[in-house]
Amino acid sequence: MFGYVKPDIPYLYMKDNTLYKALYCGICKSIGKCSGTCARFTLTYDCAFLSAVIHNILGKDVVIKREHCIIHPITKRPIAKPDDISISIGALNVILAYFKIVDDINDNGRGRLAKLLLNGAFKRAKKREPELERIVRENYAELSRLEKAGESSIDRIADPFANLLAQLSEELLGDKKTQESYQFFYNFGKWIYLIDALDDYDKDVKKGNYNPFYVAYKAQSFKDLKQEKGEEVSFIMSATLSGIEQGLKGLKFAFNADLIRNISIRGTVETTKKVLLKGQKGDNK
């Protein structure tokens, strides 16, 4: 994924901040177990969030212990002990990183060295989780096909990445999957794809890369896009955020879900506001 899945820190309880960091470190250790130490550079908080949701829906609590890690060898940190779920998500983290690099190479030719360095780790992750790899590969292939065809429908172009996350959730949840969990993850995947496209708008236009909002509206800059089609863009993003919230309401959690609710409702909204306000007076980015 792309690094947009973040909590709204001022409204995040200390206990949940500790949990989030522990899950992050747990995924890091899980990546090491399934794909080797060098693959840890692919680690994202996005997969830590996925770990929180999947563990909670499945009713499998994490065990947190204070341990040393490769980045912090002196001071012990709270770390979620790797289990079957986190190791599967660790493998998924590597698979997603690999296909993101391949996508970047297709877009601008950059990332060949990173792909070479990640090849061995990817093969190990694929061997452990062949079904997760298939889901990512097939949806990226469909996304690539639509982008090359110059797809102008924003809903249609966002569908492969939305399906990717929804199908991954079904594989990880197994018998616990529901229509609500599918809706939640589908809209989360759609939001990730669209917020990334908005954030990269000017860069994509400058480099001639595919961007769904440019293909749909032809605005020459992000500033022009907001001036000319700001209401439509805001409506699209609001509808996607509403889909996340509606799906979340139907999920049944086994444990406290404050962290999940903070990221799903507050964090996504704040990130969306930050991207849409980018470049305006008072924006710090």
C-alpha atoms as a PDB file:
ATOM      1  CA  MET A   1       0.000   0.000   0.000  1.00  0.00           C
ATOM      2  CA  PHE A   2       1.061   3.623  -0.082  1.00  0.00           C
ATOM      3  CA  GLY A   3       1.489   5.010   3.441  1.00  0.00           C
ATOM      4  CA  TYR A   4      -1.745   6.996   3.685  1.00  0.00           C
ATOM      5  CA  VAL A   5      -3.314   4.812   6.390  1.00  0.00           C
ATOM      6  CA  LYS A   6      -2.551   6.882   9.487  1.00  0.00           C
ATOM      7  CA  PRO A   7      -4.159   7.602  12.854  1.00  0.00           C
ATOM      8  CA  ASP A   8      -5.387  11.016  13.913  1.00  0.00           C
ATOM      9  CA  ILE A   9      -2.699  11.408  16.584  1.00  0.00           C
ATOM     10  CA  PRO A  10      -4.352  14.122  18.758  1.00  0.00           C
ATOM     11  CA  TYR A  11      -7.347  11.806  19.242  1.00  0.00           C
ATOM     12  CA  LEU A  12      -5.355   8.576  19.647  1.00  0.00           C
ATOM     13  CA  TYR A  13      -5.256   7.082  23.157  1.00  0.00           C
ATOM     14  CA  MET A  14      -1.773   6.340  24.496  1.00  0.00           C
ATOM     15  CA  LYS A  15      -2.660   2.662  24.841  1.00  0.00           C
ATOM     16  CA  ASP A  16      -3.612   2.524  21.171  1.00  0.00           C
ATOM     17  CA  ASN A  17      -0.474   4.344  20.078  1.00  0.00           C
ATOM     18  CA  THR A  18       1.535   1.729  21.976  1.00  0.00           C
ATOM     19  CA  LEU A  19      -0.484  -1.063  20.375  1.00  0.00           C
ATOM     20  CA  TYR A  20      -0.036   0.387  16.883  1.00  0.00           C
ATOM     21  CA  LYS A  21       3.737   0.641  17.291  1.00  0.00           C
ATOM     22  CA  ALA A  22       3.863  -2.871  18.763  1.00  0.00           C
ATOM     23  CA  LEU A  23       1.924  -4.248  15.787  1.00  0.00           C
ATOM     24  CA  TYR A  24       4.263  -2.384  13.441  1.00  0.00           C
ATOM     25  CA  CYS A  25       7.307  -3.947  15.096  1.00  0.00           C
ATOM     26  CA  GLY A  26       5.532  -7.320  15.069  1.00  0.00           C
ATOM     27  CA  ILE A  27       5.027  -7.124  11.306  1.00  0.00           C
ATOM     28  CA  CYS A  28       8.690  -6.166  10.945  1.00  0.00           C
ATOM     29  CA  LYS A  29       9.756  -9.310  12.813  1.00  0.00           C
ATOM     30  CA  SER A  30       7.220 -11.357  10.849  1.00  0.00           C
ATOM     31  CA  ILE A  31       8.713 -10.130   7.573  1.00  0.00           C
ATOM     32  CA  GLY A  32      12.110 -11.273   8.821  1.00  0.00           C
ATOM     33  CA  LYS A  33      10.723 -14.719   9.603  1.00  0.00           C
ATOM     34  CA  CYS A  34       8.993 -15.237   6.251  1.00  0.00           C
ATOM     35  CA  SER A  35      11.221 -13.334   3.822  1.00  0.00           C
ATOM     36  CA  GLY A  36      14.515 -12.490   5.498  1.00  0.00           C
ATOM     37  CA  THR A  37      15.950  -9.485   7.313  1.00  0.00           C
ATOM     38  CA  CYS A  38      16.714  -7.423   4.197  1.00  0.00           C
ATOM     39  CA  ALA A  39      13.016  -7.400   3.250  1.00  0.00           C
ATOM     40  CA  ARG A  40      12.181  -5.379   6.351  1.00  0.00           C
ATOM     41  CA  PHE A  41      12.828  -2.161   4.433  1.00  0.00           C
ATOM     42  CA  THR A  42       9.409  -2.698   2.791  1.00  0.00           C
ATOM     43  CA  LEU A  43       7.600  -2.375   6.136  1.00  0.00           C
ATOM     44  CA  THR A  44       4.575  -0.049   6.252  1.00  0.00           C
ATOM     45  CA  TYR A  45       2.155   1.046   8.958  1.00  0.00           C
ATOM     46  CA  ASP A  46      -0.618   0.148   6.504  1.00  0.00           C
ATOM     47  CA  CYS A  47       0.000  -3.544   7.162  1.00  0.00           C
ATOM     48  CA  ALA A  48       0.163  -2.878  10.908  1.00  0.00           C
ATOM     49  CA  PHE A  49      -3.381  -1.512  10.601  1.00  0.00           C
ATOM     50  CA  LEU A  50      -4.410  -4.561   8.569  1.00  0.00           C
ATOM     51  CA  SER A  51      -2.967  -6.739  11.327  1.00  0.00           C
ATOM     52  CA  ALA A  52      -5.033  -4.881  13.937  1.00  0.00           C
ATOM     53  CA  VAL A  53      -8.279  -5.372  12.000  1.00  0.00           C
ATOM     54  CA  ILE A  54      -7.730  -9.017  11.076  1.00  0.00           C
ATOM     55  CA  HIS A  55      -6.624 -10.053  14.575  1.00  0.00           C
ATOM     56  CA  ASN A  56      -9.627  -8.282  16.108  1.00  0.00           C
ATOM     57  CA  ILE A  57     -12.265  -9.736  13.777  1.00  0.00           C
ATOM     58  CA  LEU A  58     -10.796 -13.234  14.154  1.00  0.00           C
ATOM     59  CA  GLY A  59     -10.731 -12.831  17.938  1.00  0.00           C
ATOM     60  CA  LYS A  60      -7.024 -13.655  18.174  1.00  0.00           C
ATOM     61  CA  ASP A  61      -5.295 -11.336  20.604  1.00  0.00           C
ATOM     62  CA  VAL A  62      -1.651 -10.407  20.196  1.00  0.00           C
ATOM     63  CA  VAL A  63       1.002 -11.047  22.821  1.00  0.00           C
ATOM     64  CA  ILE A  64       3.125  -7.948  23.452  1.00  0.00           C
ATOM     65  CA  LYS A  65       6.555  -8.180  25.053  1.00  0.00           C
ATOM     66  CA  ARG A  66       9.403  -5.723  25.476  1.00  0.00           C
ATOM     67  CA  GLU A  67      12.284  -6.847  23.279  1.00  0.00           C
ATOM     68  CA  HIS A  68      15.284  -5.577  21.372  1.00  0.00           C
ATOM     69  CA  CYS A  69      15.044  -5.146  17.618  1.00  0.00           C
ATOM     70  CA  ILE A  70      17.454  -4.636  14.738  1.00  0.00           C
ATOM     71  CA  ILE A  71      16.797  -0.872  14.624  1.00  0.00           C
ATOM     72  CA  HIS A  72      16.765  -0.397  18.418  1.00  0.00           C
ATOM     73  CA  PRO A  73      19.389  -2.851  19.759  1.00  0.00           C
ATOM     74  CA  ILE A  74      19.906  -1.058  23.091  1.00  0.00           C
ATOM     75  CA  THR A  75      16.465  -0.044  24.366  1.00  0.00           C
ATOM     76  CA  LYS A  76      13.737  -2.649  24.511  1.00  0.00           C
ATOM     77  CA  ARG A  77      10.462  -1.780  22.796  1.00  0.00           C
ATOM     78  CA  PRO A  78       6.944  -3.265  23.040  1.00  0.00           C
ATOM     79  CA  ILE A  79       6.671  -5.754  20.179  1.00  0.00           C
ATOM     80  CA  ALA A  80       3.732  -7.953  19.167  1.00  0.00           C
ATOM     81  CA  LYS A  81       4.987 -11.517  19.054  1.00  0.00           C
ATOM     82  CA  PRO A  82       4.778 -12.928  15.494  1.00  0.00           C
ATOM     83  CA  ASP A  83       1.953 -15.409  14.968  1.00  0.00           C
ATOM     84  CA  ASP A  84       0.389 -17.080  11.922  1.00  0.00           C
ATOM     85  CA  ILE A  85      -1.684 -13.990  11.103  1.00  0.00           C
ATOM     86  CA  SER A  86       1.171 -11.502  11.355  1.00  0.00           C
ATOM     87  CA  ILE A  87       3.525 -13.746   9.389  1.00  0.00           C
ATOM     88  CA  SER A  88       0.929 -14.022   6.597  1.00  0.00           C
ATOM     89  CA  ILE A  89       0.530 -10.238   6.632  1.00  0.00           C
ATOM     90  CA  GLY A  90       4.306  -9.862   6.694  1.00  0.00           C
ATOM     91  CA  ALA A  91       4.489 -11.952   3.516  1.00  0.00           C
ATOM     92  CA  LEU A  92       1.689  -9.830   2.054  1.00  0.00           C
ATOM     93  CA  ASN A  93       3.644  -6.664   2.916  1.00  0.00           C
ATOM     94  CA  VAL A  94       6.537  -7.943   0.784  1.00  0.00           C
ATOM     95  CA  ILE A  95       4.223  -9.004  -2.058  1.00  0.00           C
ATOM     96  CA  LEU A  96       2.504  -5.608  -2.133  1.00  0.00           C
ATOM     97  CA  ALA A  97       5.860  -3.802  -2.053  1.00  0.00           C
ATOM     98  CA  TYR A  98       7.130  -5.917  -4.953  1.00  0.00           C
ATOM     99  CA  PHE A  99       4.152  -5.200  -7.194  1.00  0.00           C
ATOM    100  CA  LYS A 100       4.248  -1.508  -6.265  1.00  0.00           C
ATOM    101  CA  ILE A 101       7.860  -1.430  -7.470  1.00  0.00           C
ATOM    102  CA  VAL A 102       6.874  -3.230 -10.680  1.00  0.00           C
ATOM    103  CA  ASP A 103       4.081  -0.675 -11.169  1.00  0.00           C
ATOM    104  CA  ASP A 104       6.565   2.185 -10.668  1.00  0.00           C
ATOM    105  CA  ILE A 105       8.926   0.632 -13.220  1.00  0.00           C
ATOM    106  CA  ASN A 106       6.076   0.430 -15.718  1.00  0.00           C
ATOM    107  CA  ASP A 107       5.187   4.071 -15.029  1.00  0.00           C
ATOM    108  CA  ASN A 108       8.594   5.724 -15.124  1.00  0.00           C
ATOM    109  CA  GLY A 109      11.297   3.072 -15.379  1.00  0.00           C
ATOM    110  CA  ARG A 110      12.500   3.655 -11.820  1.00  0.00           C
ATOM    111  CA  GLY A 111      12.909   0.952  -9.198  1.00  0.00           C
ATOM    112  CA  ARG A 112      14.825  -1.742 -11.075  1.00  0.00           C
ATOM    113  CA  LEU A 113      17.503  -2.000  -8.382  1.00  0.00           C
ATOM    114  CA  ALA A 114      14.869  -2.227  -5.627  1.00  0.00           C
ATOM    115  CA  LYS A 115      13.096  -4.977  -7.588  1.00  0.00           C
ATOM    116  CA  LEU A 116      16.365  -6.869  -7.955  1.00  0.00           C
ATOM    117  CA  LEU A 117      17.067  -6.576  -4.237  1.00  0.00           C
ATOM    118  CA  LEU A 118      13.557  -7.744  -3.361  1.00  0.00           C
ATOM    119  CA  ASN A 119      13.369 -10.691  -5.768  1.00  0.00           C
ATOM    120  CA  GLY A 120      14.509 -13.340  -3.279  1.00  0.00           C
ATOM    121  CA  ALA A 121      12.254 -12.076  -0.492  1.00  0.00           C
ATOM    122  CA  PHE A 122       9.309 -11.915  -2.898  1.00  0.00           C
ATOM    123  CA  LYS A 123       9.828 -15.527  -3.982  1.00  0.00           C
ATOM    124  CA  ARG A 124       9.826 -16.643  -0.346  1.00  0.00           C
ATOM    125  CA  ALA A 125       6.682 -14.651   0.401  1.00  0.00           C
ATOM    126  CA  LYS A 126       4.964 -16.016  -2.712  1.00  0.00           C
ATOM    127  CA  LYS A 127       5.865 -19.581  -1.749  1.00  0.00           C
ATOM    128  CA  ARG A 128       4.357 -19.110   1.700  1.00  0.00           C
ATOM    129  CA  GLU A 129       1.228 -17.237   0.558  1.00  0.00           C
ATOM    130  CA  PRO A 130       0.508 -18.205  -3.080  1.00  0.00           C
ATOM    131  CA  GLU A 131      -3.161 -17.195  -2.876  1.00  0.00           C
ATOM    132  CA  LEU A 132      -2.365 -13.730  -1.550  1.00  0.00           C
ATOM    133  CA  GLU A 133       0.197 -13.332  -4.345  1.00  0.00           C
ATOM    134  CA  ARG A 134      -2.367 -14.401  -6.957  1.00  0.00           C
ATOM    135  CA  ILE A 135      -4.906 -11.853  -5.719  1.00  0.00           C
ATOM    136  CA  VAL A 136      -2.365  -9.013  -5.824  1.00  0.00           C
ATOM    137  CA  ARG A 137      -0.932 -10.056  -9.209  1.00  0.00           C
ATOM    138  CA  GLU A 138      -4.293 -10.415 -10.952  1.00  0.00           C
ATOM    139  CA  ASN A 139      -5.697  -7.145  -9.662  1.00  0.00           C
ATOM    140  CA  TYR A 140      -2.522  -5.232 -10.512  1.00  0.00           C
ATOM    141  CA  ALA A 141      -2.693  -6.734 -14.000  1.00  0.00           C
ATOM    142  CA  GLU A 142      -6.279  -5.510 -14.392  1.00  0.00           C
ATOM    143  CA  LEU A 143      -5.310  -2.098 -13.046  1.00  0.00           C
ATOM    144  CA  SER A 144      -2.443  -1.903 -15.526  1.00  0.00           C
ATOM    145  CA  ARG A 145      -4.744  -2.911 -18.381  1.00  0.00           C
ATOM    146  CA  LEU A 146      -7.253  -0.177 -17.539  1.00  0.00           C
ATOM    147  CA  GLU A 147      -4.557   2.462 -17.109  1.00  0.00           C
ATOM    148  CA  LYS A 148      -2.954   1.600 -20.460  1.00  0.00           C
ATOM    149  CA  ALA A 149      -6.404   1.791 -22.075  1.00  0.00           C
ATOM    150  CA  GLY A 150      -6.812   5.323 -20.655  1.00  0.00           C
ATOM    151  CA  GLU A 151      -9.873   4.460 -18.563  1.00  0.00           C
ATOM    152  CA  SER A 152     -11.789   7.677 -17.850  1.00  0.00           C
ATOM    153  CA  SER A 153     -14.268   6.378 -15.264  1.00  0.00           C
ATOM    154  CA  ILE A 154     -12.917   7.037 -11.778  1.00  0.00           C
ATOM    155  CA  ASP A 155     -15.094   4.314 -10.250  1.00  0.00           C
ATOM    156  CA  ARG A 156     -13.977   1.750 -12.817  1.00  0.00           C
ATOM    157  CA  ILE A 157     -10.266   2.521 -12.543  1.00  0.00           C
ATOM    158  CA  ALA A 158     -10.377   2.374  -8.737  1.00  0.00           C
ATOM    159  CA  ASP A 159     -12.148  -0.992  -8.800  1.00  0.00           C
ATOM    160  CA  PRO A 160      -9.085  -3.283  -9.167  1.00  0.00           C
ATOM    161  CA  PHE A 161      -7.285  -1.883  -6.123  1.00  0.00           C
ATOM    162  CA  ALA A 162     -10.541  -1.849  -4.163  1.00  0.00           C
ATOM    163  CA  ASN A 163     -11.106  -5.488  -5.137  1.00  0.00           C
ATOM    164  CA  LEU A 164      -7.512  -6.296  -4.265  1.00  0.00           C
ATOM    165  CA  LEU A 165      -7.904  -5.233  -0.638  1.00  0.00           C
ATOM    166  CA  ALA A 166     -11.396  -6.741  -0.313  1.00  0.00           C
ATOM    167  CA  GLN A 167     -10.274 -10.106  -1.705  1.00  0.00           C
ATOM    168  CA  LEU A 168      -7.171 -10.129   0.487  1.00  0.00           C
ATOM    169  CA  SER A 169      -9.384  -9.552   3.525  1.00  0.00           C
ATOM    170  CA  GLU A 170     -11.604 -12.483   2.561  1.00  0.00           C
ATOM    171  CA  GLU A 171      -8.579 -14.762   2.239  1.00  0.00           C
ATOM    172  CA  LEU A 172      -7.190 -13.654   5.612  1.00  0.00           C
ATOM    173  CA  LEU A 173     -10.560 -13.752   7.418  1.00  0.00           C
ATOM    174  CA  GLY A 174     -11.715 -17.102   6.053  1.00  0.00           C
ATOM    175  CA  ASP A 175     -15.020 -18.106   7.651  1.00  0.00           C
ATOM    176  CA  LYS A 176     -15.200 -14.770   9.476  1.00  0.00           C
ATOM    177  CA  LYS A 177     -15.593 -12.774   6.263  1.00  0.00           C
ATOM    178  CA  THR A 178     -18.887 -10.932   5.842  1.00  0.00           C
ATOM    179  CA  GLN A 179     -20.566  -8.570   3.416  1.00  0.00           C
ATOM    180  CA  GLU A 180     -19.720  -5.727   5.808  1.00  0.00           C
ATOM    181  CA  SER A 181     -16.034  -6.670   5.970  1.00  0.00           C
ATOM    182  CA  TYR A 182     -15.945  -6.782   2.167  1.00  0.00           C
ATOM    183  CA  GLN A 183     -17.551  -3.325   1.977  1.00  0.00           C
ATOM    184  CA  PHE A 184     -15.137  -1.939   4.555  1.00  0.00           C
ATOM    185  CA  PHE A 185     -12.010  -3.193   2.813  1.00  0.00           C
ATOM    186  CA  TYR A 186     -13.323  -2.480  -0.695  1.00  0.00           C
ATOM    187  CA  ASN A 187     -13.897   1.184   0.125  1.00  0.00           C
ATOM    188  CA  PHE A 188     -10.608   1.379   1.992  1.00  0.00           C
ATOM    189  CA  GLY A 189      -8.816   0.094  -1.101  1.00  0.00           C
ATOM    190  CA  LYS A 190     -10.686   2.549  -3.285  1.00  0.00           C
ATOM    191  CA  TRP A 191      -9.790   5.419  -0.951  1.00  0.00           C
ATOM    192  CA  ILE A 192      -6.092   4.465  -0.947  1.00  0.00           C
ATOM    193  CA  TYR A 193      -5.959   4.415  -4.747  1.00  0.00           C
ATOM    194  CA  LEU A 194      -7.791   7.720  -5.136  1.00  0.00           C
ATOM    195  CA  ILE A 195      -5.974   9.636  -2.387  1.00  0.00           C
ATOM    196  CA  ASP A 196      -2.667   8.547  -3.894  1.00  0.00           C
ATOM    197  CA  ALA A 197      -3.830   9.796  -7.314  1.00  0.00           C
ATOM    198  CA  LEU A 198      -4.828  13.176  -5.869  1.00  0.00           C
ATOM    199  CA  ASP A 199      -1.589  13.524  -3.943  1.00  0.00           C
ATOM    200  CA  ASP A 200       0.471  12.720  -7.063  1.00  0.00           C
ATOM    201  CA  TYR A 201      -1.642  14.793  -9.462  1.00  0.00           C
ATOM    202  CA  ASP A 202       0.896  17.481 -10.396  1.00  0.00           C
ATOM    203  CA  LYS A 203       3.752  14.985 -10.556  1.00  0.00           C
ATOM    204  CA  ASP A 204       1.766  12.655 -12.822  1.00  0.00           C
ATOM    205  CA  VAL A 205       0.725  15.478 -15.146  1.00  0.00           C
ATOM    206  CA  LYS A 206       4.299  16.744 -15.382  1.00  0.00           C
ATOM    207  CA  LYS A 207       5.743  13.292 -16.128  1.00  0.00           C
ATOM    208  CA  GLY A 208       2.898  12.152 -18.361  1.00  0.00           C
ATOM    209  CA  ASN A 209       1.932   9.301 -16.043  1.00  0.00           C
ATOM    210  CA  TYR A 210      -1.630   8.010 -15.938  1.00  0.00           C
ATOM    211  CA  ASN A 211      -3.797   9.779 -13.370  1.00  0.00           C
ATOM    212  CA  PRO A 212      -7.538   9.026 -13.212  1.00  0.00           C
ATOM    213  CA  PHE A 213      -8.505  12.566 -12.228  1.00  0.00           C
ATOM    214  CA  TYR A 214      -6.510  14.074 -15.083  1.00  0.00           C
ATOM    215  CA  VAL A 215      -8.006  11.662 -17.616  1.00  0.00           C
ATOM    216  CA  ALA A 216     -11.501  12.426 -16.312  1.00  0.00           C
ATOM    217  CA  TYR A 217     -11.214  16.221 -15.974  1.00  0.00           C
ATOM    218  CA  LYS A 218      -8.125  17.368 -17.971  1.00  0.00           C
ATOM    219  CA  ALA A 219      -7.184  20.064 -15.426  1.00  0.00           C
ATOM    220  CA  GLN A 220      -3.577  21.148 -16.002  1.00  0.00           C
ATOM    221  CA  SER A 221      -2.688  21.376 -12.304  1.00  0.00           C
ATOM    222  CA  PHE A 222      -4.001  20.300  -8.942  1.00  0.00           C
ATOM    223  CA  LYS A 223      -4.929  23.898  -8.242  1.00  0.00           C
ATOM    224  CA  ASP A 224      -6.977  24.001 -11.452  1.00  0.00           C
ATOM    225  CA  LEU A 225      -8.581  20.668 -10.588  1.00  0.00           C
ATOM    226  CA  LYS A 226      -9.809  22.050  -7.258  1.00  0.00           C
ATOM    227  CA  GLN A 227     -11.047  25.264  -8.834  1.00  0.00           C
ATOM    228  CA  GLU A 228     -12.844  23.592 -11.743  1.00  0.00           C
ATOM    229  CA  LYS A 229     -13.997  20.280 -10.302  1.00  0.00           C
ATOM    230  CA  GLY A 230     -13.507  20.657  -6.556  1.00  0.00           C
ATOM    231  CA  GLU A 231     -17.092  19.809  -5.637  1.00  0.00           C
ATOM    232  CA  GLU A 232     -17.107  16.632  -7.747  1.00  0.00           C
ATOM    233  CA  VAL A 233     -13.771  15.489  -6.325  1.00  0.00           C
ATOM    234  CA  SER A 234     -14.940  16.182  -2.757  1.00  0.00           C
ATOM    235  CA  PHE A 235     -18.147  14.240  -3.411  1.00  0.00           C
ATOM    236  CA  ILE A 236     -16.204  11.216  -4.724  1.00  0.00           C
ATOM    237  CA  MET A 237     -13.922  11.174  -1.705  1.00  0.00           C
ATOM    238  CA  SER A 238     -16.790  11.766   0.756  1.00  0.00           C
ATOM    239  CA  ALA A 239     -18.767   8.877  -0.753  1.00  0.00           C
ATOM    240  CA  THR A 240     -15.753   6.596  -0.404  1.00  0.00           C
ATOM    241  CA  LEU A 241     -15.193   7.649   3.212  1.00  0.00           C
ATOM    242  CA  SER A 242     -18.885   7.044   3.900  1.00  0.00           C
ATOM    243  CA  GLY A 243     -18.503   3.514   2.495  1.00  0.00           C
ATOM    244  CA  ILE A 244     -15.634   2.851   4.906  1.00  0.00           C
ATOM    245  CA  GLU A 245     -17.680   4.098   7.851  1.00  0.00           C
ATOM    246  CA  GLN A 246     -20.765   2.103   6.895  1.00  0.00           C
ATOM    247  CA  GLY A 247     -18.727  -1.071   6.520  1.00  0.00           C
ATOM    248  CA  LEU A 248     -17.042  -0.429   9.860  1.00  0.00           C
ATOM    249  CA  LYS A 249     -20.413  -0.158  11.613  1.00  0.00           C
ATOM    250  CA  GLY A 250     -21.263  -3.708  10.552  1.00  0.00           C
ATOM    251  CA  LEU A 251     -18.016  -5.299  11.730  1.00  0.00           C
ATOM    252  CA  LYS A 252     -17.993  -7.402  14.882  1.00  0.00           C
ATOM    253  CA  PHE A 253     -14.841  -6.979  16.945  1.00  0.00           C
ATOM    254  CA  ALA A 254     -13.675  -9.301  19.695  1.00  0.00           C
ATOM    255  CA  PHE A 255     -11.598  -6.652  21.478  1.00  0.00           C
ATOM    256  CA  ASN A 256     -11.431  -2.902  21.967  1.00  0.00           C
ATOM    257  CA  ALA A 257     -11.482  -1.273  18.521  1.00  0.00           C
ATOM    258  CA  ASP A 258     -10.540   2.338  19.388  1.00  0.00           C
ATOM    259  CA  LEU A 259      -7.391   2.176  17.261  1.00  0.00           C
ATOM    260  CA  ILE A 260      -9.274   0.806  14.254  1.00  0.00           C
ATOM    261  CA  ARG A 261     -12.026   3.420  14.559  1.00  0.00           C
ATOM    262  CA  ASN A 262      -9.526   6.240  14.950  1.00  0.00           C
ATOM    263  CA  ILE A 263      -7.709   5.338  11.727  1.00  0.00           C
ATOM    264  CA  SER A 264     -10.818   4.362   9.741  1.00  0.00           C
ATOM    265  CA  ILE A 265     -12.919   7.408  10.572  1.00  0.00           C
ATOM    266  CA  ARG A 266     -10.690  10.202  11.838  1.00  0.00           C
ATOM    267  CA  GLY A 267      -7.369   9.346  10.195  1.00  0.00           C
ATOM    268  CA  THR A 268      -8.751   8.935   6.674  1.00  0.00           C
ATOM    269  CA  VAL A 269     -10.727  12.171   6.938  1.00  0.00           C
ATOM    270  CA  GLU A 270      -7.711  14.152   8.164  1.00  0.00           C
ATOM    271  CA  THR A 271      -5.475  12.717   5.446  1.00  0.00           C
ATOM    272  CA  THR A 272      -8.091  13.557   2.814  1.00  0.00           C
ATOM    273  CA  LYS A 273      -8.366  17.133   4.095  1.00  0.00           C
ATOM    274  CA  LYS A 274      -4.599  17.514   4.089  1.00  0.00           C
ATOM    275  CA  VAL A 275      -4.300  16.343   0.478  1.00  0.00           C
ATOM    276  CA  LEU A 276      -7.222  18.436  -0.771  1.00  0.00           C
ATOM    277  CA  LEU A 277      -5.895  21.556   0.988  1.00  0.00           C
ATOM    278  CA  LYS A 278      -2.354  21.014  -0.260  1.00  0.00           C
ATOM    279  CA  GLY A 279      -0.743  24.209  -1.486  1.00  0.00           C
ATOM    280  CA  GLN A 280      -3.280  26.525   0.109  1.00  0.00           C
ATOM    281  CA  LYS A 281      -2.271  29.257   2.556  1.00  0.00           C
ATOM    282  CA  GLY A 282      -1.825  27.788   6.011  1.00  0.00           C
ATOM    283  CA  ASP A 283      -0.998  24.308   4.750  1.00  0.00           C
ATOM    284  CA  ASN A 284       2.275  23.076   6.173  1.00  0.00           C
ATOM    285  CA  LYS A 285       3.083  20.555   3.490  1.00  0.00           C
END
